[in-house]
PDB file of N, CA and C in Angstrom:
ATOM      1  N   PHE A   1     105.763  93.605 119.125  1.00  0.00           N
ATOM      2  CA  PHE A   1     106.761  92.823 118.301  1.00  0.00           C
ATOM      3  C   PHE A   1     107.618  91.963 119.694  1.00  0.00           C
ATOM      4  N   VAL A   2     107.490  90.625 119.868  1.00  0.00           N
ATOM      5  CA  VAL A   2     108.133  89.785 120.630  1.00  0.00           C
ATOM      6  C   VAL A   2     109.570  89.304 119.906  1.00  0.00           C
ATOM      7  N   ASP A   3     110.567  89.344 120.499  1.00  0.00           N
ATOM      8  CA  ASP A   3     111.910  88.815 119.811  1.00  0.00           C
ATOM      9  C   ASP A   3     112.366  87.784 121.230  1.00  0.00           C
ATOM     10  N   PHE A   4     111.957  86.524 120.531  1.00  0.00           N
ATOM     11  CA  PHE A   4     112.228  85.006 121.322  1.00  0.00           C
ATOM     12  C   PHE A   4     113.863  84.855 121.064  1.00  0.00           C
ATOM     13  N   THR A   5     114.670  85.105 121.949  1.00  0.00           N
ATOM     14  CA  THR A   5     116.114  85.103 121.694  1.00  0.00           C
ATOM     15  C   THR A   5     116.946  84.192 123.241  1.00  0.00           C
ATOM     16  N   ALA A   6     118.243  84.266 122.401  1.00  0.00           N
ATOM     17  CA  ALA A   6     118.954  83.594 123.642  1.00  0.00           C
ATOM     18  C   ALA A   6     120.414  84.121 123.438  1.00  0.00           C
ATOM     19  N   SER A   7     121.104  84.202 124.314  1.00  0.00           N
ATOM     20  CA  SER A   7     122.456  84.631 124.319  1.00  0.00           C
ATOM     21  C   SER A   7     123.255  83.626 123.414  1.00  0.00           C
ATOM     22  N   TRP A   8     123.075  82.337 123.441  1.00  0.00           N
ATOM     23  CA  TRP A   8     123.789  81.316 122.924  1.00  0.00           C
ATOM     24  C   TRP A   8     123.365  81.097 121.445  1.00  0.00           C
ATOM     25  N   CYS A   9     122.485  81.802 121.007  1.00  0.00           N
ATOM     26  CA  CYS A   9     121.819  81.660 119.843  1.00  0.00           C
ATOM     27  C   CYS A   9     122.393  82.497 118.728  1.00  0.00           C
ATOM     28  N   ALA A  10     123.315  81.822 117.973  1.00  0.00           N
ATOM     29  CA  ALA A  10     124.172  82.639 116.553  1.00  0.00           C
ATOM     30  C   ALA A  10     123.212  83.392 116.027  1.00  0.00           C
ATOM     31  N   THR A  11     122.430  82.848 115.369  1.00  0.00           N
ATOM     32  CA  THR A  11     121.049  83.442 114.514  1.00  0.00           C
ATOM     33  C   THR A  11     120.442  84.489 115.110  1.00  0.00           C
ATOM     34  N   CYS A  12     120.174  84.624 116.387  1.00  0.00           N
ATOM     35  CA  CYS A  12     119.676  85.399 117.117  1.00  0.00           C
ATOM     36  C   CYS A  12     120.613  86.876 117.420  1.00  0.00           C
ATOM     37  N   GLN A  13     121.712  86.477 117.609  1.00  0.00           N
ATOM     38  CA  GLN A  13     122.775  87.664 117.715  1.00  0.00           C
ATOM     39  C   GLN A  13     123.061  88.496 116.425  1.00  0.00           C
ATOM     40  N   VAL A  14     122.871  87.769 115.245  1.00  0.00           N
ATOM     41  CA  VAL A  14     123.415  88.401 113.755  1.00  0.00           C
ATOM     42  C   VAL A  14     121.964  89.063 113.895  1.00  0.00           C
ATOM     43  N   ASN A  15     120.799  88.727 113.793  1.00  0.00           N
ATOM     44  CA  ASN A  15     119.580  89.553 113.699  1.00  0.00           C
ATOM     45  C   ASN A  15     119.607  90.551 114.443  1.00  0.00           C
ATOM     46  N   LYS A  16     119.980  90.665 115.925  1.00  0.00           N
ATOM     47  CA  LYS A  16     120.379  92.079 116.605  1.00  0.00           C
ATOM     48  C   LYS A  16     121.051  92.746 115.801  1.00  0.00           C
ATOM     49  N   ARG A  17     122.443  92.327 115.475  1.00  0.00           N
ATOM     50  CA  ARG A  17     123.141  93.355 114.812  1.00  0.00           C
ATOM     51  C   ARG A  17     122.797  93.699 113.600  1.00  0.00           C
ATOM     52  N   THR A  18     122.055  93.277 112.959  1.00  0.00           N
ATOM     53  CA  THR A  18     122.063  93.539 111.139  1.00  0.00           C
ATOM     54  C   THR A  18     120.633  93.963 111.347  1.00  0.00           C
ATOM     55  N   THR A  19     119.686  93.937 112.421  1.00  0.00           N
ATOM     56  CA  THR A  19     118.302  94.644 112.024  1.00  0.00           C
ATOM     57  C   THR A  19     117.628  95.225 113.443  1.00  0.00           C
ATOM     58  N   LEU A  20     117.590  94.088 114.487  1.00  0.00           N
ATOM     59  CA  LEU A  20     117.201  94.705 115.673  1.00  0.00           C
ATOM     60  C   LEU A  20     117.539  96.082 116.411  1.00  0.00           C
ATOM     61  N   LYS A  21     118.645  96.251 116.428  1.00  0.00           N
ATOM     62  CA  LYS A  21     119.395  96.992 117.224  1.00  0.00           C
ATOM     63  C   LYS A  21     119.800  98.449 116.318  1.00  0.00           C
ATOM     64  N   ARG A  22     119.401  98.016 114.886  1.00  0.00           N
ATOM     65  CA  ARG A  22     119.611  99.244 114.118  1.00  0.00           C
ATOM     66  C   ARG A  22     118.805 100.563 114.373  1.00  0.00           C
ATOM     67  N   ASP A  23     119.554 101.376 114.555  1.00  0.00           N
ATOM     68  CA  ASP A  23     118.897 103.045 114.442  1.00  0.00           C
ATOM     69  C   ASP A  23     117.489 103.120 114.028  1.00  0.00           C
ATOM     70  N   ASP A  24     117.453 102.834 112.799  1.00  0.00           N
ATOM     71  CA  ASP A  24     116.849 103.008 111.637  1.00  0.00           C
ATOM     72  C   ASP A  24     115.126 102.240 111.890  1.00  0.00           C
ATOM     73  N   VAL A  25     115.425 100.988 112.411  1.00  0.00           N
ATOM     74  CA  VAL A  25     114.431  99.877 112.786  1.00  0.00           C
ATOM     75  C   VAL A  25     113.691 100.406 114.011  1.00  0.00           C
ATOM     76  N   LEU A  26     114.613 100.626 115.179  1.00  0.00           N
ATOM     77  CA  LEU A  26     114.029 100.944 116.440  1.00  0.00           C
ATOM     78  C   LEU A  26     113.098 102.339 116.034  1.00  0.00           C
ATOM     79  N   GLU A  27     113.573 103.167 115.163  1.00  0.00           N
ATOM     80  CA  GLU A  27     112.714 104.372 114.899  1.00  0.00           C
ATOM     81  C   GLU A  27     111.549 104.134 114.408  1.00  0.00           C
ATOM     82  N   ALA A  28     111.437 103.061 113.482  1.00  0.00           N
ATOM     83  CA  ALA A  28     110.543 102.835 112.599  1.00  0.00           C
ATOM     84  C   ALA A  28     109.536 102.068 113.650  1.00  0.00           C
ATOM     85  N   MET A  29     109.848 101.382 114.397  1.00  0.00           N
ATOM     86  CA  MET A  29     109.116 100.881 115.543  1.00  0.00           C
ATOM     87  C   MET A  29     108.369 101.478 116.541  1.00  0.00           C
ATOM     88  N   GLU A  30     108.814 102.720 116.588  1.00  0.00           N
ATOM     89  CA  GLU A  30     108.469 103.604 117.710  1.00  0.00           C
ATOM     90  C   GLU A  30     107.654 104.571 116.831  1.00  0.00           C
ATOM     91  N   GLU A  31     107.701 104.945 115.516  1.00  0.00           N
ATOM     92  CA  GLU A  31     106.942 105.440 114.548  1.00  0.00           C
ATOM     93  C   GLU A  31     105.324 104.988 114.513  1.00  0.00           C
ATOM     94  N   ALA A  32     105.712 103.426 114.744  1.00  0.00           N
ATOM     95  CA  ALA A  32     104.555 102.646 114.435  1.00  0.00           C
ATOM     96  C   ALA A  32     103.653 102.245 115.913  1.00  0.00           C
ATOM     97  N   ASN A  33     104.307 102.712 116.916  1.00  0.00           N
ATOM     98  CA  ASN A  33     103.630 102.812 118.220  1.00  0.00           C
ATOM     99  C   ASN A  33     103.813 101.187 118.607  1.00  0.00           C
ATOM    100  N   VAL A  34     104.926 100.838 118.594  1.00  0.00           N
ATOM    101  CA  VAL A  34     105.113  99.196 118.403  1.00  0.00           C
ATOM    102  C   VAL A  34     106.180  98.937 119.822  1.00  0.00           C
ATOM    103  N   THR A  35     105.426  97.789 120.758  1.00  0.00           N
ATOM    104  CA  THR A  35     106.702  97.901 121.765  1.00  0.00           C
ATOM    105  C   THR A  35     107.428  96.700 121.405  1.00  0.00           C
ATOM    106  N   PHE A  36     108.704  96.950 121.895  1.00  0.00           N
ATOM    107  CA  PHE A  36     109.612  95.749 121.398  1.00  0.00           C
ATOM    108  C   PHE A  36     109.909  94.757 123.065  1.00  0.00           C
ATOM    109  N   LEU A  37     109.580  93.704 122.715  1.00  0.00           N
ATOM    110  CA  LEU A  37     109.321  92.903 124.096  1.00  0.00           C
ATOM    111  C   LEU A  37     110.366  91.824 123.687  1.00  0.00           C
ATOM    112  N   VAL A  38     111.042  91.456 124.989  1.00  0.00           N
ATOM    113  CA  VAL A  38     112.295  90.139 124.628  1.00  0.00           C
ATOM    114  C   VAL A  38     111.908  88.856 125.697  1.00  0.00           C
ATOM    115  N   ALA A  39     111.498  87.884 125.121  1.00  0.00           N
ATOM    116  CA  ALA A  39     111.441  86.946 125.476  1.00  0.00           C
ATOM    117  C   ALA A  39     112.885  86.130 125.468  1.00  0.00           C
ATOM    118  N   ASP A  40     113.723  86.197 126.845  1.00  0.00           N
ATOM    119  CA  ASP A  40     114.845  85.361 126.434  1.00  0.00           C
ATOM    120  C   ASP A  40     114.787  83.965 127.027  1.00  0.00           C
ATOM    121  N   PHE A  41     115.412  83.242 126.243  1.00  0.00           N
ATOM    122  CA  PHE A  41     115.371  82.098 126.707  1.00  0.00           C
ATOM    123  C   PHE A  41     117.015  81.453 126.696  1.00  0.00           C
ATOM    124  N   THR A  42     117.604  82.323 127.229  1.00  0.00           N
ATOM    125  CA  THR A  42     118.970  81.760 127.614  1.00  0.00           C
ATOM    126  C   THR A  42     119.384  80.676 128.597  1.00  0.00           C
ATOM    127  N   ARG A  43     118.313  80.940 129.826  1.00  0.00           N
ATOM    128  CA  ARG A  43     118.352  79.685 130.746  1.00  0.00           C
ATOM    129  C   ARG A  43     116.889  79.177 130.252  1.00  0.00           C
ATOM    130  N   PRO A  44     116.743  77.949 130.664  1.00  0.00           N
ATOM    131  CA  PRO A  44     115.335  77.106 130.324  1.00  0.00           C
ATOM    132  C   PRO A  44     114.193  78.296 131.068  1.00  0.00           C
ATOM    133  N   ASN A  45     113.055  78.146 130.088  1.00  0.00           N
ATOM    134  CA  ASN A  45     111.891  78.856 130.889  1.00  0.00           C
ATOM    135  C   ASN A  45     110.588  77.952 130.373  1.00  0.00           C
ATOM    136  N   ASP A  46     109.852  77.435 131.252  1.00  0.00           N
ATOM    137  CA  ASP A  46     108.602  76.774 130.442  1.00  0.00           C
ATOM    138  C   ASP A  46     107.427  77.556 129.679  1.00  0.00           C
ATOM    139  N   GLU A  47     107.430  78.874 130.543  1.00  0.00           N
ATOM    140  CA  GLU A  47     106.582  79.577 129.782  1.00  0.00           C
ATOM    141  C   GLU A  47     106.777  80.070 128.189  1.00  0.00           C
ATOM    142  N   ILE A  48     108.280  80.208 128.149  1.00  0.00           N
ATOM    143  CA  ILE A  48     108.534  80.797 126.777  1.00  0.00           C
ATOM    144  C   ILE A  48     108.725  79.195 125.778  1.00  0.00           C
ATOM    145  N   SER A  49     109.206  78.358 126.460  1.00  0.00           N
ATOM    146  CA  SER A  49     109.129  76.879 125.636  1.00  0.00           C
ATOM    147  C   SER A  49     107.636  76.646 125.095  1.00  0.00           C
ATOM    148  N   ASP A  50     106.787  76.811 125.970  1.00  0.00           N
ATOM    149  CA  ASP A  50     105.453  76.202 125.530  1.00  0.00           C
ATOM    150  C   ASP A  50     104.898  77.078 124.450  1.00  0.00           C
ATOM    151  N   GLU A  51     105.425  78.592 124.483  1.00  0.00           N
ATOM    152  CA  GLU A  51     104.895  79.442 123.388  1.00  0.00           C
ATOM    153  C   GLU A  51     105.919  79.105 122.221  1.00  0.00           C
ATOM    154  N   LEU A  52     106.889  78.768 122.384  1.00  0.00           N
ATOM    155  CA  LEU A  52     107.624  78.391 120.842  1.00  0.00           C
ATOM    156  C   LEU A  52     106.811  76.984 120.380  1.00  0.00           C
ATOM    157  N   LYS A  53     106.470  75.948 121.499  1.00  0.00           N
ATOM    158  CA  LYS A  53     105.874  74.863 120.984  1.00  0.00           C
ATOM    159  C   LYS A  53     104.822  75.363 120.509  1.00  0.00           C
ATOM    160  N   ARG A  54     103.663  75.832 120.986  1.00  0.00           N
ATOM    161  CA  ARG A  54     102.398  76.579 120.620  1.00  0.00           C
ATOM    162  C   ARG A  54     102.354  77.252 119.073  1.00  0.00           C
ATOM    163  N   ARG A  55     103.755  77.692 118.660  1.00  0.00           N
ATOM    164  CA  ARG A  55     103.744  78.618 117.648  1.00  0.00           C
ATOM    165  C   ARG A  55     104.220  77.296 116.351  1.00  0.00           C
ATOM    166  N   GLY A  56     104.551  76.444 116.718  1.00  0.00           N
ATOM    167  CA  GLY A  56     105.124  75.473 116.064  1.00  0.00           C
ATOM    168  C   GLY A  56     106.952  75.771 115.917  1.00  0.00           C
ATOM    169  N   SER A  57     107.580  76.348 116.633  1.00  0.00           N
ATOM    170  CA  SER A  57     108.755  76.757 116.647  1.00  0.00           C
ATOM    171  C   SER A  57     109.840  75.736 117.211  1.00  0.00           C
ATOM    172  N   PRO A  58     110.502  75.249 116.504  1.00  0.00           N
ATOM    173  CA  PRO A  58     111.545  74.259 117.512  1.00  0.00           C
ATOM    174  C   PRO A  58     112.432  74.910 118.115  1.00  0.00           C
ATOM    175  N   GLY A  59     112.452  76.227 118.344  1.00  0.00           N
ATOM    176  CA  GLY A  59     113.336  76.814 119.302  1.00  0.00           C
ATOM    177  C   GLY A  59     113.651  78.384 118.763  1.00  0.00           C
ATOM    178  N   VAL A  60     114.377  78.967 119.397  1.00  0.00           N
ATOM    179  CA  VAL A  60     114.928  80.266 119.249  1.00  0.00           C
ATOM    180  C   VAL A  60     115.772  80.563 117.881  1.00  0.00           C
ATOM    181  N   PRO A  61     115.717  81.212 117.192  1.00  0.00           N
ATOM    182  CA  PRO A  61     115.065  82.551 117.442  1.00  0.00           C
ATOM    183  C   PRO A  61     113.397  82.094 116.519  1.00  0.00           C
ATOM    184  N   MET A  62     112.522  83.019 117.432  1.00  0.00           N
ATOM    185  CA  MET A  62     111.372  83.423 116.865  1.00  0.00           C
ATOM    186  C   MET A  62     110.999  84.849 116.943  1.00  0.00           C
ATOM    187  N   TYR A  63     110.141  85.295 115.856  1.00  0.00           N
ATOM    188  CA  TYR A  63     109.686  86.656 116.002  1.00  0.00           C
ATOM    189  C   TYR A  63     108.583  86.918 115.749  1.00  0.00           C
ATOM    190  N   LEU A  64     107.711  87.640 116.583  1.00  0.00           N
ATOM    191  CA  LEU A  64     105.867  87.408 116.525  1.00  0.00           C
ATOM    192  C   LEU A  64     105.652  89.144 116.375  1.00  0.00           C
ATOM    193  N   LEU A  65     105.053  89.451 115.666  1.00  0.00           N
ATOM    194  CA  LEU A  65     104.545  90.911 115.133  1.00  0.00           C
ATOM    195  C   LEU A  65     103.340  90.973 115.415  1.00  0.00           C
ATOM    196  N   TYR A  66     102.889  91.858 116.257  1.00  0.00           N
ATOM    197  CA  TYR A  66     101.472  91.950 116.629  1.00  0.00           C
ATOM    198  C   TYR A  66     100.727  93.135 115.965  1.00  0.00           C
ATOM    199  N   ALA A  67     100.029  92.836 114.955  1.00  0.00           N
ATOM    200  CA  ALA A  67      99.307  94.281 114.315  1.00  0.00           C
ATOM    201  C   ALA A  67      98.270  94.390 115.199  1.00  0.00           C
ATOM    202  N   PRO A  68      97.895  95.765 114.642  1.00  0.00           N
ATOM    203  CA  PRO A  68      96.836  96.351 115.659  1.00  0.00           C
ATOM    204  C   PRO A  68      95.319  95.756 115.080  1.00  0.00           C
ATOM    205  N   GLY A  69      94.349  95.167 116.083  1.00  0.00           N
ATOM    206  CA  GLY A  69      93.361  94.664 115.526  1.00  0.00           C
ATOM    207  C   GLY A  69      93.324  93.372 115.228  1.00  0.00           C
ATOM    208  N   GLU A  70      94.562  92.594 115.136  1.00  0.00           N
ATOM    209  CA  GLU A  70      94.531  91.185 114.550  1.00  0.00           C
ATOM    210  C   GLU A  70      94.568  90.434 115.379  1.00  0.00           C
ATOM    211  N   PRO A  71      93.712  89.806 115.709  1.00  0.00           N
ATOM    212  CA  PRO A  71      93.999  88.440 117.234  1.00  0.00           C
ATOM    213  C   PRO A  71      95.031  87.503 117.115  1.00  0.00           C
ATOM    214  N   GLU A  72      95.682  87.156 116.029  1.00  0.00           N
ATOM    215  CA  GLU A  72      97.260  86.440 115.978  1.00  0.00           C
ATOM    216  C   GLU A  72      97.993  87.387 115.436  1.00  0.00           C
ATOM    217  N   PRO A  73      99.488  87.300 115.938  1.00  0.00           N
ATOM    218  CA  PRO A  73     100.791  87.732 115.467  1.00  0.00           C
ATOM    219  C   PRO A  73     100.811  86.974 114.197  1.00  0.00           C
ATOM    220  N   GLU A  74     101.697  87.821 113.352  1.00  0.00           N
ATOM    221  CA  GLU A  74     102.677  87.341 112.290  1.00  0.00           C
ATOM    222  C   GLU A  74     103.845  86.882 112.811  1.00  0.00           C
ATOM    223  N   ILE A  75     104.040  85.344 112.274  1.00  0.00           N
ATOM    224  CA  ILE A  75     105.379  84.886 112.657  1.00  0.00           C
ATOM    225  C   ILE A  75     106.331  85.526 111.429  1.00  0.00           C
ATOM    226  N   LEU A  76     107.484  86.102 111.920  1.00  0.00           N
ATOM    227  CA  LEU A  76     108.529  86.251 110.982  1.00  0.00           C
ATOM    228  C   LEU A  76     109.462  85.432 110.692  1.00  0.00           C
ATOM    229  N   PRO A  77     109.999  85.555 109.614  1.00  0.00           N
ATOM    230  CA  PRO A  77     111.045  84.623 109.128  1.00  0.00           C
ATOM    231  C   PRO A  77     112.453  84.526 110.346  1.00  0.00           C
ATOM    232  N   THR A  78     112.837  83.612 110.336  1.00  0.00           N
ATOM    233  CA  THR A  78     114.265  83.363 111.313  1.00  0.00           C
ATOM    234  C   THR A  78     115.395  84.170 110.968  1.00  0.00           C
ATOM    235  N   LEU A  79     115.779  84.730 109.775  1.00  0.00           N
ATOM    236  CA  LEU A  79     116.534  85.413 109.500  1.00  0.00           C
ATOM    237  C   LEU A  79     115.758  86.723 109.131  1.00  0.00           C
ATOM    238  N   LEU A  80     115.911  87.798 109.670  1.00  0.00           N
ATOM    239  CA  LEU A  80     115.404  89.164 109.586  1.00  0.00           C
ATOM    240  C   LEU A  80     116.643  89.997 108.543  1.00  0.00           C
ATOM    241  N   ASN A  81     115.502  90.996 108.045  1.00  0.00           N
ATOM    242  CA  ASN A  81     116.479  91.996 107.198  1.00  0.00           C
ATOM    243  C   ASN A  81     115.711  93.439 107.841  1.00  0.00           C
ATOM    244  N   ALA A  82     116.731  94.627 107.700  1.00  0.00           N
ATOM    245  CA  ALA A  82     115.798  95.778 108.201  1.00  0.00           C
ATOM    246  C   ALA A  82     114.929  96.360 107.206  1.00  0.00           C
ATOM    247  N   GLY A  83     115.055  95.788 105.887  1.00  0.00           N
ATOM    248  CA  GLY A  83     113.838  96.328 104.884  1.00  0.00           C
ATOM    249  C   GLY A  83     112.686  95.807 104.967  1.00  0.00           C
ATOM    250  N   MET A  84     112.536  94.444 105.274  1.00  0.00           N
ATOM    251  CA  MET A  84     111.601  93.611 105.152  1.00  0.00           C
ATOM    252  C   MET A  84     110.761  94.308 106.535  1.00  0.00           C
ATOM    253  N   LEU A  85     111.278  94.335 107.713  1.00  0.00           N
ATOM    254  CA  LEU A  85     110.741  94.516 108.926  1.00  0.00           C
ATOM    255  C   LEU A  85     110.031  95.876 108.814  1.00  0.00           C
ATOM    256  N   LYS A  86     110.644  96.979 108.264  1.00  0.00           N
ATOM    257  CA  LYS A  86     110.302  98.208 108.042  1.00  0.00           C
ATOM    258  C   LYS A  86     109.358  98.312 107.447  1.00  0.00           C
ATOM    259  N   ARG A  87     109.259  97.740 106.490  1.00  0.00           N
ATOM    260  CA  ARG A  87     108.147  97.373 105.411  1.00  0.00           C
ATOM    261  C   ARG A  87     106.937  97.100 105.940  1.00  0.00           C
ATOM    262  N   LYS A  88     107.192  96.115 106.801  1.00  0.00           N
ATOM    263  CA  LYS A  88     106.017  95.659 107.616  1.00  0.00           C
ATOM    264  C   LYS A  88     105.407  96.742 108.720  1.00  0.00           C
ATOM    265  N   LEU A  89     106.356  97.443 109.454  1.00  0.00           N
ATOM    266  CA  LEU A  89     105.784  98.134 110.275  1.00  0.00           C
ATOM    267  C   LEU A  89     105.331  99.686 109.634  1.00  0.00           C
ATOM    268  N   GLU A  90     105.389  99.903 108.660  1.00  0.00           N
ATOM    269  CA  GLU A  90     104.984 101.096 107.663  1.00  0.00           C
ATOM    270  C   GLU A  90     103.240 100.664 107.382  1.00  0.00           C
ATOM    271  N   ALA A  91     103.118  99.223 107.130  1.00  0.00           N
ATOM    272  CA  ALA A  91     101.394  98.998 106.903  1.00  0.00           C
ATOM    273  C   ALA A  91     100.852  99.426 108.528  1.00  0.00           C
ATOM    274  N   PHE A  92     101.467  99.621 109.507  1.00  0.00           N
ATOM    275  CA  PHE A  92     100.679 100.135 110.813  1.00  0.00           C
ATOM    276  C   PHE A  92     100.309 101.457 110.647  1.00  0.00           C
TER     277      PHE A  92
END
């Protein structure tokens, strides 16, 4: 799981509080053997900018979920919720 985020991004901060930092979501990631990576775009970064563009995202937030055996990640919605994310993780 890759969280493309920035400290100045209000939506990113809401998603962190409501979903990404919740104990039950973090436990679900651990149970699914998912690694939580952060691509911090707080300061300009060409590699992150290139990946956002490559995936068709106008900016942060962007969330990529790499499923086992799949060549490409799923791009998750900009607004996350714990139930949706946990259901996706259960499929692993």
